[in-house]
Amino acid sequence: MLISYFLVFLLAAIPLFELIAVIPLAIIGGLSPVPVAILGFLGNLVTVLLLVLFVDKIKGWMRARKLKGTPVKAVEGIEPLENGENATVQESKKQKRAKSIFDKYGLPGLTILGPLLVGSHISAFMGMSFGSSRKLVTGWMITSLVIWTVVSTILASSGVSFFVPGVEENGFLVRIFK
């Protein structure tokens, strides 16, 4: 049973998954809401804080990975590479959406709405990329993660107890790890 709680922590820490999805899934699976909320929050928080701490190295790695071997002429919208060549930088849909949220609502809006719309890791990364300080991004991301943890835990546990009574004794995660 301990393994299932460890999986909650691990899945919440993976950028592909979000605590907004992991927490309800674990509660529907029959795990207790309070430990799930705490572990989901901590798992997501650890990787978001690591991202904020190492954002410069991550941006350099991403740029090198994206731009590897694509030399083009120096024109507007093209960034120079370290080796003197130039290459285009393509923004993803999530990055464009994050930029739109940031332009409209600022850092608080990006960090509060971001986990639902683009993901918490992208929100933190983009907040740092748009020039916000580490301290502000960290504070707003912690606030956002607390809000989304509480909201998803309350909604999931209320819905599960209403629609599936007795799930804690007979949830699919409980049955798998018995």
N, C-alpha and C. Protein backbone atom coordinates (compact mmCIF):
# COMPACT_ATOMS: atom_id res chain seq x y z
N MET A 1 0.82 -1.19 0.00
CA MET A 1 0.00 0.00 0.00
C MET A 1 0.86 1.26 0.00
N LEU A 2 2.02 1.16 0.64
CA LEU A 2 2.94 2.29 0.68
C LEU A 2 3.42 2.65 -0.73
N ILE A 3 3.54 1.64 -1.58
CA ILE A 3 3.97 1.86 -2.96
C ILE A 3 3.00 2.77 -3.70
N SER A 4 1.71 2.60 -3.45
CA SER A 4 0.72 3.43 -4.14
C SER A 4 0.86 4.90 -3.75
N TYR A 5 1.20 5.18 -2.51
CA TYR A 5 1.41 6.57 -2.08
C TYR A 5 2.71 7.12 -2.68
N PHE A 6 3.72 6.27 -2.79
CA PHE A 6 4.97 6.68 -3.43
C PHE A 6 4.72 7.02 -4.90
N LEU A 7 3.86 6.25 -5.55
CA LEU A 7 3.52 6.53 -6.95
C LEU A 7 2.81 7.87 -7.10
N VAL A 8 1.99 8.24 -6.13
CA VAL A 8 1.35 9.56 -6.16
C VAL A 8 2.40 10.65 -6.16
N PHE A 9 3.37 10.53 -5.26
CA PHE A 9 4.47 11.50 -5.18
C PHE A 9 5.24 11.55 -6.50
N LEU A 10 5.58 10.37 -7.01
CA LEU A 10 6.37 10.27 -8.22
C LEU A 10 5.62 10.83 -9.44
N LEU A 11 4.37 10.46 -9.61
CA LEU A 11 3.59 10.95 -10.76
C LEU A 11 3.37 12.46 -10.69
N ALA A 12 3.14 12.98 -9.49
CA ALA A 12 2.96 14.43 -9.36
C ALA A 12 4.26 15.17 -9.67
N ALA A 13 5.39 14.52 -9.48
CA ALA A 13 6.69 15.15 -9.74
C ALA A 13 7.03 15.17 -11.23
N ILE A 14 6.41 14.30 -12.01
CA ILE A 14 6.71 14.21 -13.44
C ILE A 14 5.98 15.33 -14.17
N PRO A 15 6.71 16.13 -14.96
CA PRO A 15 6.07 17.26 -15.65
C PRO A 15 4.91 16.89 -16.57
N LEU A 16 4.92 15.70 -17.11
CA LEU A 16 3.83 15.28 -17.99
C LEU A 16 2.51 15.15 -17.24
N PHE A 17 2.58 14.73 -15.99
CA PHE A 17 1.40 14.60 -15.14
C PHE A 17 1.31 15.83 -14.25
N GLU A 18 0.15 16.15 -13.81
CA GLU A 18 -0.05 17.29 -12.92
C GLU A 18 -0.79 16.83 -11.68
N LEU A 19 -0.57 17.52 -10.58
CA LEU A 19 -1.27 17.14 -9.36
C LEU A 19 -2.78 17.29 -9.51
N ILE A 20 -3.22 18.15 -10.42
CA ILE A 20 -4.65 18.33 -10.67
C ILE A 20 -5.26 17.03 -11.20
N ALA A 21 -4.49 16.21 -11.88
CA ALA A 21 -4.97 14.93 -12.38
C ALA A 21 -4.60 13.78 -11.45
N VAL A 22 -3.42 13.82 -10.86
CA VAL A 22 -2.94 12.72 -10.03
C VAL A 22 -3.77 12.58 -8.75
N ILE A 23 -4.07 13.69 -8.10
CA ILE A 23 -4.81 13.63 -6.84
C ILE A 23 -6.20 13.00 -7.03
N PRO A 24 -7.02 13.49 -7.97
CA PRO A 24 -8.33 12.83 -8.15
C PRO A 24 -8.22 11.35 -8.54
N LEU A 25 -7.26 11.02 -9.38
CA LEU A 25 -7.08 9.63 -9.80
C LEU A 25 -6.76 8.75 -8.60
N ALA A 26 -5.87 9.22 -7.73
CA ALA A 26 -5.50 8.45 -6.54
C ALA A 26 -6.68 8.32 -5.58
N ILE A 27 -7.46 9.37 -5.43
CA ILE A 27 -8.63 9.31 -4.53
C ILE A 27 -9.68 8.36 -5.10
N ILE A 28 -9.91 8.44 -6.42
CA ILE A 28 -10.84 7.51 -7.07
C ILE A 28 -10.33 6.08 -6.92
N GLY A 29 -9.01 5.92 -6.91
CA GLY A 29 -8.40 4.61 -6.74
C GLY A 29 -8.52 4.04 -5.34
N GLY A 30 -9.01 4.85 -4.40
CA GLY A 30 -9.25 4.36 -3.06
C GLY A 30 -8.25 4.81 -2.01
N LEU A 31 -7.32 5.67 -2.36
CA LEU A 31 -6.34 6.14 -1.38
C LEU A 31 -6.95 7.26 -0.54
N SER A 32 -6.43 7.41 0.65
CA SER A 32 -6.92 8.43 1.58
C SER A 32 -6.59 9.83 1.06
N PRO A 33 -7.56 10.75 1.07
CA PRO A 33 -7.37 12.08 0.48
C PRO A 33 -6.25 12.93 1.10
N VAL A 34 -6.10 12.91 2.41
CA VAL A 34 -5.11 13.80 3.05
C VAL A 34 -3.68 13.41 2.69
N PRO A 35 -3.28 12.13 2.84
CA PRO A 35 -1.91 11.79 2.41
C PRO A 35 -1.69 11.99 0.91
N VAL A 36 -2.72 11.70 0.11
CA VAL A 36 -2.61 11.90 -1.34
C VAL A 36 -2.37 13.38 -1.64
N ALA A 37 -3.11 14.26 -0.98
CA ALA A 37 -2.95 15.71 -1.21
C ALA A 37 -1.55 16.17 -0.82
N ILE A 38 -1.08 15.72 0.33
CA ILE A 38 0.25 16.13 0.81
C ILE A 38 1.34 15.62 -0.12
N LEU A 39 1.27 14.35 -0.49
CA LEU A 39 2.31 13.77 -1.35
C LEU A 39 2.24 14.33 -2.77
N GLY A 40 1.04 14.54 -3.28
CA GLY A 40 0.90 15.14 -4.61
C GLY A 40 1.47 16.55 -4.64
N PHE A 41 1.15 17.33 -3.61
CA PHE A 41 1.68 18.69 -3.50
C PHE A 41 3.21 18.68 -3.43
N LEU A 42 3.76 17.85 -2.55
CA LEU A 42 5.21 17.82 -2.38
C LEU A 42 5.92 17.32 -3.63
N GLY A 43 5.36 16.32 -4.30
CA GLY A 43 5.97 15.81 -5.52
C GLY A 43 6.05 16.88 -6.60
N ASN A 44 4.95 17.60 -6.80
CA ASN A 44 4.92 18.65 -7.81
C ASN A 44 5.81 19.81 -7.40
N LEU A 45 5.78 20.17 -6.13
CA LEU A 45 6.57 21.30 -5.63
C LEU A 45 8.07 21.06 -5.80
N VAL A 46 8.53 19.85 -5.52
CA VAL A 46 9.96 19.56 -5.61
C VAL A 46 10.48 19.84 -7.02
N THR A 47 9.77 19.34 -8.03
CA THR A 47 10.27 19.52 -9.40
C THR A 47 10.08 20.96 -9.88
N VAL A 48 9.04 21.63 -9.43
CA VAL A 48 8.86 23.05 -9.80
C VAL A 48 9.98 23.88 -9.18
N LEU A 49 10.33 23.63 -7.93
CA LEU A 49 11.42 24.37 -7.29
C LEU A 49 12.76 24.07 -7.96
N LEU A 50 12.99 22.82 -8.34
CA LEU A 50 14.22 22.49 -9.06
C LEU A 50 14.28 23.22 -10.40
N LEU A 51 13.15 23.29 -11.07
CA LEU A 51 13.08 23.99 -12.35
C LEU A 51 13.39 25.47 -12.17
N VAL A 52 12.81 26.10 -11.16
CA VAL A 52 13.07 27.52 -10.90
C VAL A 52 14.55 27.73 -10.55
N LEU A 53 15.11 26.83 -9.78
CA LEU A 53 16.50 26.95 -9.36
C LEU A 53 17.47 26.80 -10.54
N PHE A 54 17.17 25.88 -11.45
CA PHE A 54 18.09 25.60 -12.55
C PHE A 54 17.55 26.06 -13.90
N VAL A 55 16.72 27.08 -13.92
CA VAL A 55 16.07 27.53 -15.15
C VAL A 55 17.07 27.95 -16.22
N ASP A 56 18.16 28.58 -15.85
CA ASP A 56 19.14 29.03 -16.84
C ASP A 56 19.79 27.85 -17.55
N LYS A 57 20.14 26.82 -16.79
CA LYS A 57 20.74 25.64 -17.40
C LYS A 57 19.72 24.90 -18.26
N ILE A 58 18.49 24.85 -17.82
CA ILE A 58 17.44 24.18 -18.59
C ILE A 58 17.17 24.92 -19.89
N LYS A 59 17.11 26.26 -19.83
CA LYS A 59 16.90 27.05 -21.05
C LYS A 59 18.04 26.83 -22.04
N GLY A 60 19.26 26.81 -21.56
CA GLY A 60 20.41 26.57 -22.43
C GLY A 60 20.35 25.19 -23.07
N TRP A 61 19.99 24.19 -22.28
CA TRP A 61 19.88 22.83 -22.80
C TRP A 61 18.76 22.75 -23.84
N MET A 62 17.61 23.36 -23.56
CA MET A 62 16.49 23.33 -24.50
C MET A 62 16.84 24.06 -25.79
N ARG A 63 17.49 25.21 -25.67
CA ARG A 63 17.87 25.98 -26.86
C ARG A 63 18.83 25.17 -27.72
N ALA A 64 19.83 24.58 -27.10
CA ALA A 64 20.80 23.79 -27.85
C ALA A 64 20.14 22.58 -28.51
N ARG A 65 19.21 21.98 -27.82
CA ARG A 65 18.50 20.82 -28.36
C ARG A 65 17.60 21.20 -29.53
N LYS A 66 16.89 22.32 -29.39
CA LYS A 66 15.98 22.77 -30.44
C LYS A 66 16.72 23.28 -31.67
N LEU A 67 17.82 23.97 -31.43
CA LEU A 67 18.48 24.67 -32.51
C LEU A 67 19.64 23.91 -33.14
N LYS A 68 19.90 22.73 -32.67
CA LYS A 68 21.04 21.95 -33.13
C LYS A 68 20.97 21.71 -34.64
N GLY A 69 21.98 22.20 -35.33
CA GLY A 69 22.12 21.92 -36.75
C GLY A 69 21.12 22.60 -37.66
N THR A 70 20.60 23.79 -37.29
CA THR A 70 19.67 24.49 -38.16
C THR A 70 20.16 25.90 -38.47
N PRO A 71 21.30 26.02 -39.16
CA PRO A 71 21.81 27.37 -39.47
C PRO A 71 20.94 28.06 -40.54
N VAL A 72 20.71 29.35 -40.33
CA VAL A 72 19.95 30.17 -41.28
C VAL A 72 20.55 31.56 -41.31
N LYS A 73 20.07 32.39 -42.22
CA LYS A 73 20.56 33.77 -42.31
C LYS A 73 20.12 34.58 -41.10
N ALA A 74 20.89 35.60 -40.75
CA ALA A 74 20.57 36.47 -39.62
C ALA A 74 19.49 37.46 -40.03
N VAL A 75 18.28 37.24 -39.55
CA VAL A 75 17.17 38.15 -39.79
C VAL A 75 16.39 38.30 -38.49
N GLU A 76 15.39 39.17 -38.51
CA GLU A 76 14.60 39.42 -37.31
C GLU A 76 13.90 38.13 -36.87
N GLY A 77 13.88 37.87 -35.55
CA GLY A 77 13.24 36.68 -35.01
C GLY A 77 14.16 35.48 -34.96
N ILE A 78 15.42 35.66 -35.27
CA ILE A 78 16.38 34.57 -35.27
C ILE A 78 17.47 34.89 -34.26
N GLU A 79 17.71 33.94 -33.38
CA GLU A 79 18.70 34.17 -32.32
C GLU A 79 20.05 33.58 -32.69
N PRO A 80 21.15 34.26 -32.32
CA PRO A 80 22.48 33.70 -32.59
C PRO A 80 22.78 32.55 -31.62
N LEU A 81 23.45 31.55 -32.12
CA LEU A 81 23.90 30.45 -31.28
C LEU A 81 25.28 30.77 -30.72
N GLU A 82 25.71 29.97 -29.75
CA GLU A 82 27.02 30.20 -29.13
C GLU A 82 28.15 30.03 -30.13
N ASN A 83 27.97 29.16 -31.13
CA ASN A 83 29.04 28.90 -32.09
C ASN A 83 29.07 29.92 -33.23
N GLY A 84 28.26 30.98 -33.12
CA GLY A 84 28.27 32.04 -34.12
C GLY A 84 27.23 31.88 -35.22
N GLU A 85 26.59 30.69 -35.29
CA GLU A 85 25.56 30.48 -36.29
C GLU A 85 24.24 31.06 -35.78
N ASN A 86 23.26 31.10 -36.66
CA ASN A 86 21.94 31.57 -36.28
C ASN A 86 20.92 30.46 -36.50
N ALA A 87 19.84 30.50 -35.72
CA ALA A 87 18.78 29.51 -35.88
C ALA A 87 17.47 30.08 -35.40
N THR A 88 16.37 29.57 -35.92
CA THR A 88 15.06 30.06 -35.51
C THR A 88 14.63 29.39 -34.22
N VAL A 89 13.80 30.07 -33.46
CA VAL A 89 13.24 29.53 -32.24
C VAL A 89 11.74 29.44 -32.44
N GLN A 90 11.20 28.24 -32.41
CA GLN A 90 9.76 28.04 -32.59
C GLN A 90 9.11 27.91 -31.21
N GLU A 91 8.07 28.69 -30.99
CA GLU A 91 7.32 28.58 -29.73
C GLU A 91 6.25 27.51 -29.87
N SER A 92 6.06 26.72 -28.82
CA SER A 92 5.01 25.72 -28.83
C SER A 92 3.67 26.39 -28.53
N LYS A 93 2.59 25.65 -28.71
CA LYS A 93 1.26 26.18 -28.41
C LYS A 93 1.14 26.52 -26.93
N LYS A 94 1.71 25.67 -26.08
CA LYS A 94 1.65 25.94 -24.63
C LYS A 94 2.43 27.19 -24.27
N GLN A 95 3.56 27.41 -24.92
CA GLN A 95 4.34 28.61 -24.65
C GLN A 95 3.58 29.85 -25.10
N LYS A 96 2.93 29.78 -26.24
CA LYS A 96 2.14 30.91 -26.73
C LYS A 96 0.97 31.18 -25.79
N ARG A 97 0.32 30.11 -25.31
CA ARG A 97 -0.79 30.27 -24.37
C ARG A 97 -0.30 30.88 -23.06
N ALA A 98 0.86 30.43 -22.58
CA ALA A 98 1.44 30.98 -21.35
C ALA A 98 1.77 32.46 -21.52
N LYS A 99 2.32 32.83 -22.68
CA LYS A 99 2.66 34.23 -22.95
C LYS A 99 1.39 35.08 -22.97
N SER A 100 0.34 34.56 -23.56
CA SER A 100 -0.94 35.27 -23.61
C SER A 100 -1.50 35.49 -22.20
N ILE A 101 -1.45 34.47 -21.37
CA ILE A 101 -1.93 34.58 -19.98
C ILE A 101 -1.07 35.60 -19.22
N PHE A 102 0.26 35.52 -19.40
CA PHE A 102 1.16 36.43 -18.71
C PHE A 102 0.90 37.88 -19.14
N ASP A 103 0.72 38.10 -20.43
CA ASP A 103 0.46 39.45 -20.93
C ASP A 103 -0.85 40.01 -20.38
N LYS A 104 -1.84 39.15 -20.24
CA LYS A 104 -3.16 39.60 -19.81
C LYS A 104 -3.28 39.73 -18.28
N TYR A 105 -2.73 38.77 -17.54
CA TYR A 105 -2.94 38.72 -16.09
C TYR A 105 -1.68 38.85 -15.25
N GLY A 106 -0.52 38.90 -15.89
CA GLY A 106 0.73 39.01 -15.15
C GLY A 106 1.16 37.69 -14.54
N LEU A 107 2.18 37.75 -13.70
CA LEU A 107 2.71 36.55 -13.06
C LEU A 107 1.67 35.85 -12.18
N PRO A 108 0.90 36.59 -11.36
CA PRO A 108 -0.12 35.89 -10.55
C PRO A 108 -1.11 35.10 -11.40
N GLY A 109 -1.55 35.67 -12.49
CA GLY A 109 -2.48 34.97 -13.37
C GLY A 109 -1.86 33.75 -14.01
N LEU A 110 -0.61 33.89 -14.45
CA LEU A 110 0.08 32.77 -15.07
C LEU A 110 0.25 31.61 -14.10
N THR A 111 0.65 31.92 -12.87
CA THR A 111 0.90 30.86 -11.91
C THR A 111 -0.38 30.23 -11.37
N ILE A 112 -1.45 31.01 -11.26
CA ILE A 112 -2.72 30.47 -10.76
C ILE A 112 -3.46 29.72 -11.86
N LEU A 113 -3.56 30.29 -13.05
CA LEU A 113 -4.28 29.65 -14.15
C LEU A 113 -3.41 28.62 -14.89
N GLY A 114 -2.12 28.83 -14.87
CA GLY A 114 -1.19 28.00 -15.63
C GLY A 114 -1.27 26.51 -15.36
N PRO A 115 -1.30 26.05 -14.10
CA PRO A 115 -1.35 24.61 -13.88
C PRO A 115 -2.57 23.94 -14.53
N LEU A 116 -3.65 24.64 -14.63
CA LEU A 116 -4.84 24.08 -15.27
C LEU A 116 -4.75 24.16 -16.79
N LEU A 117 -4.18 25.25 -17.32
CA LEU A 117 -4.19 25.47 -18.76
C LEU A 117 -2.94 24.99 -19.50
N VAL A 118 -1.77 25.11 -18.89
CA VAL A 118 -0.53 24.72 -19.57
C VAL A 118 0.35 23.80 -18.73
N GLY A 119 0.06 23.65 -17.47
CA GLY A 119 0.87 22.83 -16.58
C GLY A 119 1.71 23.68 -15.64
N SER A 120 1.94 23.15 -14.46
CA SER A 120 2.66 23.92 -13.44
C SER A 120 4.12 24.13 -13.81
N HIS A 121 4.74 23.13 -14.41
CA HIS A 121 6.16 23.25 -14.76
C HIS A 121 6.37 24.29 -15.86
N ILE A 122 5.50 24.26 -16.86
CA ILE A 122 5.60 25.26 -17.94
C ILE A 122 5.29 26.65 -17.39
N SER A 123 4.34 26.75 -16.48
CA SER A 123 4.02 28.05 -15.87
C SER A 123 5.23 28.63 -15.15
N ALA A 124 5.88 27.80 -14.35
CA ALA A 124 7.06 28.27 -13.62
C ALA A 124 8.18 28.64 -14.58
N PHE A 125 8.41 27.78 -15.56
CA PHE A 125 9.47 28.03 -16.54
C PHE A 125 9.21 29.31 -17.32
N MET A 126 7.99 29.48 -17.79
CA MET A 126 7.66 30.66 -18.58
C MET A 126 7.68 31.92 -17.71
N GLY A 127 7.24 31.82 -16.47
CA GLY A 127 7.33 32.96 -15.55
C GLY A 127 8.76 33.44 -15.40
N MET A 128 9.68 32.49 -15.29
CA MET A 128 11.10 32.85 -15.19
C MET A 128 11.60 33.40 -16.53
N SER A 129 11.14 32.82 -17.63
CA SER A 129 11.58 33.26 -18.96
C SER A 129 11.12 34.67 -19.28
N PHE A 130 9.98 35.08 -18.70
CA PHE A 130 9.45 36.41 -18.96
C PHE A 130 10.07 37.46 -18.06
N GLY A 131 11.09 37.08 -17.29
CA GLY A 131 11.85 38.05 -16.52
C GLY A 131 11.45 38.22 -15.07
N SER A 132 10.56 37.39 -14.57
CA SER A 132 10.17 37.49 -13.16
C SER A 132 11.28 36.94 -12.27
N SER A 133 11.35 37.43 -11.05
CA SER A 133 12.40 36.98 -10.14
C SER A 133 12.08 35.58 -9.61
N ARG A 134 13.14 34.89 -9.20
CA ARG A 134 12.97 33.54 -8.64
C ARG A 134 12.06 33.57 -7.41
N LYS A 135 12.26 34.59 -6.59
CA LYS A 135 11.49 34.70 -5.35
C LYS A 135 9.99 34.85 -5.64
N LEU A 136 9.64 35.71 -6.60
CA LEU A 136 8.24 35.91 -6.95
C LEU A 136 7.63 34.67 -7.58
N VAL A 137 8.36 34.07 -8.51
CA VAL A 137 7.84 32.86 -9.16
C VAL A 137 7.65 31.75 -8.13
N THR A 138 8.62 31.59 -7.25
CA THR A 138 8.51 30.55 -6.22
C THR A 138 7.31 30.80 -5.31
N GLY A 139 7.16 32.02 -4.84
CA GLY A 139 6.03 32.34 -3.96
C GLY A 139 4.68 32.13 -4.63
N TRP A 140 4.54 32.60 -5.86
CA TRP A 140 3.28 32.45 -6.57
C TRP A 140 3.03 30.99 -6.95
N MET A 141 4.05 30.24 -7.28
CA MET A 141 3.86 28.83 -7.62
C MET A 141 3.45 28.03 -6.39
N ILE A 142 4.05 28.31 -5.25
CA ILE A 142 3.64 27.61 -4.02
C ILE A 142 2.18 27.92 -3.71
N THR A 143 1.81 29.19 -3.82
CA THR A 143 0.41 29.58 -3.59
C THR A 143 -0.52 28.86 -4.55
N SER A 144 -0.16 28.83 -5.82
CA SER A 144 -0.96 28.17 -6.83
C SER A 144 -1.09 26.67 -6.55
N LEU A 145 0.01 26.02 -6.23
CA LEU A 145 -0.03 24.59 -5.97
C LEU A 145 -0.87 24.26 -4.74
N VAL A 146 -0.80 25.11 -3.73
CA VAL A 146 -1.65 24.91 -2.54
C VAL A 146 -3.12 25.01 -2.94
N ILE A 147 -3.46 26.05 -3.70
CA ILE A 147 -4.86 26.24 -4.13
C ILE A 147 -5.34 25.05 -4.93
N TRP A 148 -4.57 24.62 -5.95
CA TRP A 148 -5.00 23.52 -6.80
C TRP A 148 -5.02 22.18 -6.04
N THR A 149 -4.14 22.01 -5.07
CA THR A 149 -4.16 20.80 -4.25
C THR A 149 -5.44 20.74 -3.44
N VAL A 150 -5.76 21.83 -2.77
CA VAL A 150 -6.98 21.88 -1.94
C VAL A 150 -8.23 21.70 -2.80
N VAL A 151 -8.30 22.43 -3.90
CA VAL A 151 -9.48 22.35 -4.78
C VAL A 151 -9.65 20.94 -5.33
N SER A 152 -8.60 20.37 -5.89
CA SER A 152 -8.74 19.04 -6.49
C SER A 152 -9.01 17.96 -5.44
N THR A 153 -8.44 18.10 -4.25
CA THR A 153 -8.68 17.12 -3.19
C THR A 153 -10.13 17.19 -2.71
N ILE A 154 -10.62 18.40 -2.46
CA ILE A 154 -12.00 18.55 -1.98
C ILE A 154 -12.99 18.07 -3.04
N LEU A 155 -12.80 18.51 -4.27
CA LEU A 155 -13.73 18.10 -5.33
C LEU A 155 -13.70 16.59 -5.57
N ALA A 156 -12.51 16.02 -5.61
CA ALA A 156 -12.41 14.58 -5.85
C ALA A 156 -12.98 13.77 -4.70
N SER A 157 -12.62 14.14 -3.48
CA SER A 157 -13.12 13.35 -2.34
C SER A 157 -14.62 13.52 -2.15
N SER A 158 -15.14 14.71 -2.43
CA SER A 158 -16.59 14.93 -2.35
C SER A 158 -17.32 14.14 -3.43
N GLY A 159 -16.82 14.19 -4.63
CA GLY A 159 -17.44 13.48 -5.74
C GLY A 159 -17.36 11.98 -5.58
N VAL A 160 -16.21 11.49 -5.15
CA VAL A 160 -16.04 10.05 -4.98
C VAL A 160 -16.94 9.54 -3.87
N SER A 161 -16.98 10.23 -2.75
CA SER A 161 -17.81 9.75 -1.64
C SER A 161 -19.29 9.82 -1.99
N PHE A 162 -19.67 10.75 -2.86
CA PHE A 162 -21.07 10.87 -3.28
C PHE A 162 -21.44 9.81 -4.32
N PHE A 163 -20.59 9.66 -5.34
CA PHE A 163 -20.91 8.75 -6.45
C PHE A 163 -20.46 7.31 -6.24
N VAL A 164 -19.40 7.11 -5.46
CA VAL A 164 -18.86 5.77 -5.25
C VAL A 164 -18.62 5.55 -3.75
N PRO A 165 -19.68 5.30 -3.00
CA PRO A 165 -19.48 5.08 -1.56
C PRO A 165 -18.65 3.82 -1.30
N GLY A 166 -17.77 3.90 -0.30
CA GLY A 166 -16.94 2.76 0.07
C GLY A 166 -15.72 2.55 -0.80
N VAL A 167 -15.33 3.55 -1.57
CA VAL A 167 -14.19 3.39 -2.48
C VAL A 167 -12.87 3.20 -1.73
N GLU A 168 -12.76 3.73 -0.53
CA GLU A 168 -11.51 3.59 0.22
C GLU A 168 -11.22 2.15 0.59
N GLU A 169 -12.25 1.34 0.73
CA GLU A 169 -12.05 -0.07 1.06
C GLU A 169 -11.91 -0.93 -0.19
N ASN A 170 -12.43 -0.44 -1.33
CA ASN A 170 -12.48 -1.29 -2.51
C ASN A 170 -12.05 -0.56 -3.78
N GLY A 171 -11.22 0.45 -3.67
CA GLY A 171 -10.74 1.18 -4.85
C GLY A 171 -9.77 0.34 -5.67
N PHE A 172 -9.60 0.69 -6.93
CA PHE A 172 -8.74 -0.12 -7.79
C PHE A 172 -7.28 -0.11 -7.34
N LEU A 173 -6.79 1.01 -6.80
CA LEU A 173 -5.40 1.03 -6.29
C LEU A 173 -5.26 0.19 -5.03
N VAL A 174 -6.28 0.18 -4.20
CA VAL A 174 -6.27 -0.65 -2.99
C VAL A 174 -6.21 -2.12 -3.39
N ARG A 175 -7.01 -2.49 -4.39
CA ARG A 175 -7.03 -3.90 -4.83
C ARG A 175 -5.70 -4.28 -5.50
N ILE A 176 -5.13 -3.40 -6.28
CA ILE A 176 -3.87 -3.71 -6.98
C ILE A 176 -2.73 -3.95 -6.00
N PHE A 177 -2.63 -3.11 -4.97
CA PHE A 177 -1.48 -3.19 -4.06
C PHE A 177 -1.74 -3.97 -2.79
N LYS A 178 -2.79 -4.79 -2.77
CA LYS A 178 -3.03 -5.66 -1.59
C LYS A 178 -2.23 -6.91 -1.71
